[in-house]
């Protein structure tokens, strides 16, 4: 799943290549609110899910692991 997430992120932000596993998108100031909204839209489409609006906050989008957990929770 993390490879798909990386591909989505790189589609939105090709300037982040190579995308390291330990990157902190929010804490390092890489993602702004527009990036997060764009990512939510792309994830919803790719994984056929709908991320709850209450979870569209920086803490769910800081790391690849955070994003992966959010997708898994949204599939339930």
PDB file of N, CA and C in Angstrom:
ATOM      1  N   UNK A   1       0.817  -1.191   0.000  1.00  0.00           N
ATOM      2  CA  UNK A   1       0.000   0.000   0.000  1.00  0.00           C
ATOM      3  C   UNK A   1       0.868   1.265   0.000  1.00  0.00           C
ATOM      4  N   UNK A   2       1.985   1.217   0.731  1.00  0.00           N
ATOM      5  CA  UNK A   2       2.820   2.413   0.810  1.00  0.00           C
ATOM      6  C   UNK A   2       3.406   2.799  -0.548  1.00  0.00           C
ATOM      7  N   UNK A   3       3.637   1.810  -1.414  1.00  0.00           N
ATOM      8  CA  UNK A   3       4.139   2.134  -2.753  1.00  0.00           C
ATOM      9  C   UNK A   3       3.089   2.898  -3.559  1.00  0.00           C
ATOM     10  N   UNK A   4       1.810   2.512  -3.407  1.00  0.00           N
ATOM     11  CA  UNK A   4       0.733   3.239  -4.081  1.00  0.00           C
ATOM     12  C   UNK A   4       0.633   4.664  -3.541  1.00  0.00           C
ATOM     13  N   UNK A   5       0.771   4.796  -2.232  1.00  0.00           N
ATOM     14  CA  UNK A   5       0.708   6.123  -1.608  1.00  0.00           C
ATOM     15  C   UNK A   5       1.850   6.987  -2.122  1.00  0.00           C
ATOM     16  N   UNK A   6       3.036   6.416  -2.190  1.00  0.00           N
ATOM     17  CA  UNK A   6       4.188   7.161  -2.716  1.00  0.00           C
ATOM     18  C   UNK A   6       3.931   7.625  -4.147  1.00  0.00           C
ATOM     19  N   UNK A   7       3.370   6.728  -4.968  1.00  0.00           N
ATOM     20  CA  UNK A   7       3.090   7.078  -6.367  1.00  0.00           C
ATOM     21  C   UNK A   7       2.088   8.236  -6.440  1.00  0.00           C
ATOM     22  N   UNK A   8       1.070   8.200  -5.584  1.00  0.00           N
ATOM     23  CA  UNK A   8       0.078   9.284  -5.558  1.00  0.00           C
ATOM     24  C   UNK A   8       0.751  10.595  -5.167  1.00  0.00           C
ATOM     25  N   UNK A   9       1.566  10.556  -4.129  1.00  0.00           N
ATOM     26  CA  UNK A   9       2.251  11.761  -3.662  1.00  0.00           C
ATOM     27  C   UNK A   9       3.161  12.315  -4.753  1.00  0.00           C
ATOM     28  N   UNK A  10       3.892  11.439  -5.423  1.00  0.00           N
ATOM     29  CA  UNK A  10       4.807  11.897  -6.469  1.00  0.00           C
ATOM     30  C   UNK A  10       4.061  12.421  -7.697  1.00  0.00           C
ATOM     31  N   UNK A  11       2.851  11.919  -7.947  1.00  0.00           N
ATOM     32  CA  UNK A  11       2.031  12.486  -9.017  1.00  0.00           C
ATOM     33  C   UNK A  11       1.647  13.926  -8.685  1.00  0.00           C
ATOM     34  N   UNK A  12       1.328  14.154  -7.408  1.00  0.00           N
ATOM     35  CA  UNK A  12       0.928  15.486  -6.966  1.00  0.00           C
ATOM     36  C   UNK A  12       2.121  16.424  -6.767  1.00  0.00           C
ATOM     37  N   UNK A  13       3.217  15.858  -6.283  1.00  0.00           N
ATOM     38  CA  UNK A  13       4.404  16.651  -5.958  1.00  0.00           C
ATOM     39  C   UNK A  13       5.672  15.974  -6.487  1.00  0.00           C
ATOM     40  N   UNK A  14       5.904  16.033  -7.808  1.00  0.00           N
ATOM     41  CA  UNK A  14       7.083  15.373  -8.382  1.00  0.00           C
ATOM     42  C   UNK A  14       8.405  15.921  -7.845  1.00  0.00           C
ATOM     43  N   UNK A  15       8.367  17.102  -7.259  1.00  0.00           N
ATOM     44  CA  UNK A  15       9.567  17.701  -6.686  1.00  0.00           C
ATOM     45  C   UNK A  15      10.080  16.947  -5.468  1.00  0.00           C
ATOM     46  N   UNK A  16       9.296  16.023  -4.934  1.00  0.00           N
ATOM     47  CA  UNK A  16       9.697  15.274  -3.735  1.00  0.00           C
ATOM     48  C   UNK A  16      10.488  14.008  -4.054  1.00  0.00           C
ATOM     49  N   UNK A  17      10.709  13.732  -5.332  1.00  0.00           N
ATOM     50  CA  UNK A  17      11.450  12.522  -5.698  1.00  0.00           C
ATOM     51  C   UNK A  17      12.934  12.751  -5.464  1.00  0.00           C
ATOM     52  N   UNK A  18      13.649  11.821  -4.881  1.00  0.00           N
ATOM     53  CA  UNK A  18      13.195  10.531  -4.372  1.00  0.00           C
ATOM     54  C   UNK A  18      12.474  10.702  -3.029  1.00  0.00           C
ATOM     55  N   UNK A  19      11.407   9.980  -2.868  1.00  0.00           N
ATOM     56  CA  UNK A  19      10.569  10.076  -1.671  1.00  0.00           C
ATOM     57  C   UNK A  19      11.065   9.091  -0.626  1.00  0.00           C
ATOM     58  N   UNK A  20      11.580   9.621   0.470  1.00  0.00           N
ATOM     59  CA  UNK A  20      12.138   8.778   1.530  1.00  0.00           C
ATOM     60  C   UNK A  20      11.035   8.286   2.464  1.00  0.00           C
ATOM     61  N   UNK A  21      11.221   7.099   3.014  1.00  0.00           N
ATOM     62  CA  UNK A  21      10.217   6.489   3.898  1.00  0.00           C
ATOM     63  C   UNK A  21      10.017   7.251   5.201  1.00  0.00           C
ATOM     64  N   UNK A  22      11.053   7.899   5.694  1.00  0.00           N
ATOM     65  CA  UNK A  22      10.981   8.541   7.011  1.00  0.00           C
ATOM     66  C   UNK A  22      10.633  10.027   6.949  1.00  0.00           C
ATOM     67  N   UNK A  23      10.182  10.501   5.814  1.00  0.00           N
ATOM     68  CA  UNK A  23       9.852  11.913   5.658  1.00  0.00           C
ATOM     69  C   UNK A  23       8.629  12.281   6.506  1.00  0.00           C
ATOM     70  N   UNK A  24       8.639  13.475   7.065  1.00  0.00           N
ATOM     71  CA  UNK A  24       7.504  13.987   7.834  1.00  0.00           C
ATOM     72  C   UNK A  24       6.943  15.177   7.066  1.00  0.00           C
ATOM     73  N   UNK A  25       5.878  14.921   6.332  1.00  0.00           N
ATOM     74  CA  UNK A  25       5.340  15.911   5.402  1.00  0.00           C
ATOM     75  C   UNK A  25       4.860  17.187   6.077  1.00  0.00           C
ATOM     76  N   UNK A  26       4.184  17.068   7.191  1.00  0.00           N
ATOM     77  CA  UNK A  26       3.637  18.245   7.875  1.00  0.00           C
ATOM     78  C   UNK A  26       4.699  18.882   8.764  1.00  0.00           C
ATOM     79  N   UNK A  27       5.337  18.081   9.607  1.00  0.00           N
ATOM     80  CA  UNK A  27       6.338  18.622  10.537  1.00  0.00           C
ATOM     81  C   UNK A  27       7.489  19.309   9.819  1.00  0.00           C
ATOM     82  N   UNK A  28       7.835  18.820   8.629  1.00  0.00           N
ATOM     83  CA  UNK A  28       8.928  19.418   7.860  1.00  0.00           C
ATOM     84  C   UNK A  28       8.459  20.547   6.948  1.00  0.00           C
ATOM     85  N   UNK A  29       7.170  20.877   7.006  1.00  0.00           N
ATOM     86  CA  UNK A  29       6.641  21.988   6.213  1.00  0.00           C
ATOM     87  C   UNK A  29       6.530  21.683   4.723  1.00  0.00           C
ATOM     88  N   UNK A  30       6.442  20.416   4.365  1.00  0.00           N
ATOM     89  CA  UNK A  30       6.376  20.018   2.958  1.00  0.00           C
ATOM     90  C   UNK A  30       4.952  20.115   2.432  1.00  0.00           C
ATOM     91  N   UNK A  31       3.977  19.633   3.213  1.00  0.00           N
ATOM     92  CA  UNK A  31       2.574  19.688   2.808  1.00  0.00           C
ATOM     93  C   UNK A  31       1.899  20.906   3.416  1.00  0.00           C
ATOM     94  N   UNK A  32       1.140  21.607   2.580  1.00  0.00           N
ATOM     95  CA  UNK A  32       0.253  22.644   3.099  1.00  0.00           C
ATOM     96  C   UNK A  32      -1.179  22.116   2.981  1.00  0.00           C
ATOM     97  N   UNK A  33      -2.139  22.925   3.341  1.00  0.00           N
ATOM     98  CA  UNK A  33      -3.523  22.446   3.348  1.00  0.00           C
ATOM     99  C   UNK A  33      -3.995  22.049   1.949  1.00  0.00           C
ATOM    100  N   UNK A  34      -3.551  22.749   0.922  1.00  0.00           N
ATOM    101  CA  UNK A  34      -3.936  22.391  -0.445  1.00  0.00           C
ATOM    102  C   UNK A  34      -3.383  21.019  -0.823  1.00  0.00           C
ATOM    103  N   UNK A  35      -2.143  20.733  -0.427  1.00  0.00           N
ATOM    104  CA  UNK A  35      -1.558  19.420  -0.696  1.00  0.00           C
ATOM    105  C   UNK A  35      -2.369  18.312  -0.032  1.00  0.00           C
ATOM    106  N   UNK A  36      -2.792  18.545   1.193  1.00  0.00           N
ATOM    107  CA  UNK A  36      -3.556  17.531   1.923  1.00  0.00           C
ATOM    108  C   UNK A  36      -4.904  17.291   1.246  1.00  0.00           C
ATOM    109  N   UNK A  37      -5.584  18.348   0.842  1.00  0.00           N
ATOM    110  CA  UNK A  37      -6.882  18.195   0.170  1.00  0.00           C
ATOM    111  C   UNK A  37      -6.704  17.466  -1.162  1.00  0.00           C
ATOM    112  N   UNK A  38      -5.667  17.801  -1.898  1.00  0.00           N
ATOM    113  CA  UNK A  38      -5.386  17.124  -3.168  1.00  0.00           C
ATOM    114  C   UNK A  38      -5.085  15.655  -2.940  1.00  0.00           C
ATOM    115  N   UNK A  39      -4.342  15.372  -1.887  1.00  0.00           N
ATOM    116  CA  UNK A  39      -3.999  13.993  -1.555  1.00  0.00           C
ATOM    117  C   UNK A  39      -5.244  13.202  -1.155  1.00  0.00           C
ATOM    118  N   UNK A  40      -6.116  13.796  -0.369  1.00  0.00           N
ATOM    119  CA  UNK A  40      -7.364  13.134   0.036  1.00  0.00           C
ATOM    120  C   UNK A  40      -8.175  12.758  -1.199  1.00  0.00           C
ATOM    121  N   UNK A  41      -8.311  13.671  -2.114  1.00  0.00           N
ATOM    122  CA  UNK A  41      -9.068  13.411  -3.333  1.00  0.00           C
ATOM    123  C   UNK A  41      -8.462  12.258  -4.129  1.00  0.00           C
ATOM    124  N   UNK A  42      -7.151  12.270  -4.292  1.00  0.00           N
ATOM    125  CA  UNK A  42      -6.470  11.215  -5.049  1.00  0.00           C
ATOM    126  C   UNK A  42      -6.566   9.863  -4.340  1.00  0.00           C
ATOM    127  N   UNK A  43      -6.449   9.862  -3.017  1.00  0.00           N
ATOM    128  CA  UNK A  43      -6.548   8.614  -2.244  1.00  0.00           C
ATOM    129  C   UNK A  43      -7.969   8.057  -2.333  1.00  0.00           C
ATOM    130  N   UNK A  44      -8.955   8.926  -2.175  1.00  0.00           N
ATOM    131  CA  UNK A  44     -10.346   8.486  -2.280  1.00  0.00           C
ATOM    132  C   UNK A  44     -10.583   7.782  -3.612  1.00  0.00           C
ATOM    133  N   UNK A  45     -10.088   8.384  -4.677  1.00  0.00           N
ATOM    134  CA  UNK A  45     -10.276   7.830  -6.017  1.00  0.00           C
ATOM    135  C   UNK A  45      -9.504   6.522  -6.197  1.00  0.00           C
ATOM    136  N   UNK A  46      -8.245   6.493  -5.801  1.00  0.00           N
ATOM    137  CA  UNK A  46      -7.388   5.322  -5.998  1.00  0.00           C
ATOM    138  C   UNK A  46      -7.863   4.112  -5.205  1.00  0.00           C
ATOM    139  N   UNK A  47      -8.271   4.334  -3.960  1.00  0.00           N
ATOM    140  CA  UNK A  47      -8.625   3.225  -3.082  1.00  0.00           C
ATOM    141  C   UNK A  47     -10.134   2.997  -2.966  1.00  0.00           C
ATOM    142  N   UNK A  48     -10.934   3.828  -3.643  1.00  0.00           N
ATOM    143  CA  UNK A  48     -12.384   3.652  -3.609  1.00  0.00           C
ATOM    144  C   UNK A  48     -12.972   3.836  -2.231  1.00  0.00           C
ATOM    145  N   UNK A  49     -12.456   4.804  -1.501  1.00  0.00           N
ATOM    146  CA  UNK A  49     -12.922   5.070  -0.143  1.00  0.00           C
ATOM    147  C   UNK A  49     -13.365   6.521  -0.025  1.00  0.00           C
ATOM    148  N   UNK A  50     -13.901   6.864   1.120  1.00  0.00           N
ATOM    149  CA  UNK A  50     -14.241   8.242   1.428  1.00  0.00           C
ATOM    150  C   UNK A  50     -13.696   8.549   2.816  1.00  0.00           C
ATOM    151  N   UNK A  51     -12.687   9.382   2.866  1.00  0.00           N
ATOM    152  CA  UNK A  51     -12.072   9.742   4.142  1.00  0.00           C
ATOM    153  C   UNK A  51     -12.986  10.724   4.868  1.00  0.00           C
ATOM    154  N   UNK A  52     -13.310  10.396   6.102  1.00  0.00           N
ATOM    155  CA  UNK A  52     -14.170  11.227   6.934  1.00  0.00           C
ATOM    156  C   UNK A  52     -13.552  12.621   7.088  1.00  0.00           C
ATOM    157  N   UNK A  53     -14.381  13.635   6.944  1.00  0.00           N
ATOM    158  CA  UNK A  53     -13.916  15.017   7.032  1.00  0.00           C
ATOM    159  C   UNK A  53     -13.219  15.345   8.341  1.00  0.00           C
ATOM    160  N   UNK A  54     -13.607  14.688   9.423  1.00  0.00           N
ATOM    161  CA  UNK A  54     -12.984  14.960  10.721  1.00  0.00           C
ATOM    162  C   UNK A  54     -11.538  14.459  10.774  1.00  0.00           C
ATOM    163  N   UNK A  55     -11.174  13.616   9.798  1.00  0.00           N
ATOM    164  CA  UNK A  55      -9.814  13.078   9.783  1.00  0.00           C
ATOM    165  C   UNK A  55      -8.911  13.794   8.780  1.00  0.00           C
ATOM    166  N   UNK A  56      -9.425  14.860   8.196  1.00  0.00           N
ATOM    167  CA  UNK A  56      -8.595  15.624   7.268  1.00  0.00           C
ATOM    168  C   UNK A  56      -7.883  16.711   8.077  1.00  0.00           C
ATOM    169  N   UNK A  57      -6.936  16.239   8.874  1.00  0.00           N
ATOM    170  CA  UNK A  57      -6.121  17.106   9.710  1.00  0.00           C
ATOM    171  C   UNK A  57      -4.660  16.701   9.553  1.00  0.00           C
ATOM    172  N   UNK A  58      -3.748  17.600   9.855  1.00  0.00           N
ATOM    173  CA  UNK A  58      -2.332  17.305   9.649  1.00  0.00           C
ATOM    174  C   UNK A  58      -1.817  16.026  10.311  1.00  0.00           C
ATOM    175  N   UNK A  59      -2.359  15.652  11.477  1.00  0.00           N
ATOM    176  CA  UNK A  59      -1.823  14.481  12.175  1.00  0.00           C
ATOM    177  C   UNK A  59      -2.014  13.189  11.393  1.00  0.00           C
ATOM    178  N   UNK A  60      -2.986  13.147  10.497  1.00  0.00           N
ATOM    179  CA  UNK A  60      -3.236  11.946   9.705  1.00  0.00           C
ATOM    180  C   UNK A  60      -2.413  11.917   8.412  1.00  0.00           C
ATOM    181  N   UNK A  61      -1.661  12.985   8.147  1.00  0.00           N
ATOM    182  CA  UNK A  61      -0.926  13.088   6.886  1.00  0.00           C
ATOM    183  C   UNK A  61       0.547  13.434   7.079  1.00  0.00           C
ATOM    184  N   UNK A  62       1.074  13.193   8.273  1.00  0.00           N
ATOM    185  CA  UNK A  62       2.462  13.561   8.538  1.00  0.00           C
ATOM    186  C   UNK A  62       3.466  12.584   7.935  1.00  0.00           C
ATOM    187  N   UNK A  63       3.189  11.288   8.025  1.00  0.00           N
ATOM    188  CA  UNK A  63       4.128  10.288   7.511  1.00  0.00           C
ATOM    189  C   UNK A  63       3.400   9.306   6.595  1.00  0.00           C
ATOM    190  N   UNK A  64       4.170   8.537   5.851  1.00  0.00           N
ATOM    191  CA  UNK A  64       3.581   7.489   5.015  1.00  0.00           C
ATOM    192  C   UNK A  64       2.799   6.497   5.872  1.00  0.00           C
ATOM    193  N   UNK A  65       3.326   6.186   7.044  1.00  0.00           N
ATOM    194  CA  UNK A  65       2.648   5.268   7.953  1.00  0.00           C
ATOM    195  C   UNK A  65       1.308   5.832   8.420  1.00  0.00           C
ATOM    196  N   UNK A  66       1.281   7.139   8.740  1.00  0.00           N
ATOM    197  CA  UNK A  66       0.023   7.783   9.158  1.00  0.00           C
ATOM    198  C   UNK A  66      -1.025   7.692   8.055  1.00  0.00           C
ATOM    199  N   UNK A  67      -0.611   7.967   6.832  1.00  0.00           N
ATOM    200  CA  UNK A  67      -1.529   7.936   5.694  1.00  0.00           C
ATOM    201  C   UNK A  67      -2.032   6.511   5.461  1.00  0.00           C
ATOM    202  N   UNK A  68      -1.137   5.551   5.563  1.00  0.00           N
ATOM    203  CA  UNK A  68      -1.499   4.144   5.385  1.00  0.00           C
ATOM    204  C   UNK A  68      -2.521   3.708   6.435  1.00  0.00           C
ATOM    205  N   UNK A  69      -2.313   4.092   7.690  1.00  0.00           N
ATOM    206  CA  UNK A  69      -3.261   3.760   8.763  1.00  0.00           C
ATOM    207  C   UNK A  69      -4.623   4.389   8.491  1.00  0.00           C
ATOM    208  N   UNK A  70      -4.620   5.626   8.034  1.00  0.00           N
ATOM    209  CA  UNK A  70      -5.874   6.317   7.735  1.00  0.00           C
ATOM    210  C   UNK A  70      -6.648   5.590   6.639  1.00  0.00           C
ATOM    211  N   UNK A  71      -5.965   5.149   5.615  1.00  0.00           N
ATOM    212  CA  UNK A  71      -6.617   4.409   4.532  1.00  0.00           C
ATOM    213  C   UNK A  71      -7.211   3.112   5.063  1.00  0.00           C
ATOM    214  N   UNK A  72      -6.442   2.393   5.872  1.00  0.00           N
ATOM    215  CA  UNK A  72      -6.940   1.137   6.434  1.00  0.00           C
ATOM    216  C   UNK A  72      -8.180   1.372   7.289  1.00  0.00           C
ATOM    217  N   UNK A  73      -8.178   2.430   8.109  1.00  0.00           N
ATOM    218  CA  UNK A  73      -9.332   2.743   8.951  1.00  0.00           C
ATOM    219  C   UNK A  73     -10.542   3.149   8.102  1.00  0.00           C
ATOM    220  N   UNK A  74     -10.289   3.828   6.996  1.00  0.00           N
ATOM    221  CA  UNK A  74     -11.379   4.311   6.143  1.00  0.00           C
ATOM    222  C   UNK A  74     -12.024   3.204   5.336  1.00  0.00           C
ATOM    223  N   UNK A  75     -11.334   2.065   5.218  1.00  0.00           N
ATOM    224  CA  UNK A  75     -11.873   0.931   4.471  1.00  0.00           C
ATOM    225  C   UNK A  75     -12.879   0.134   5.294  1.00  0.00           C
ATOM    226  N   UNK A  76     -12.909   0.326   6.593  1.00  0.00           N
ATOM    227  CA  UNK A  76     -13.777  -0.459   7.476  1.00  0.00           C
ATOM    228  C   UNK A  76     -15.218  -0.032   7.360  1.00  0.00           C
TER     229      UNK A  76
END
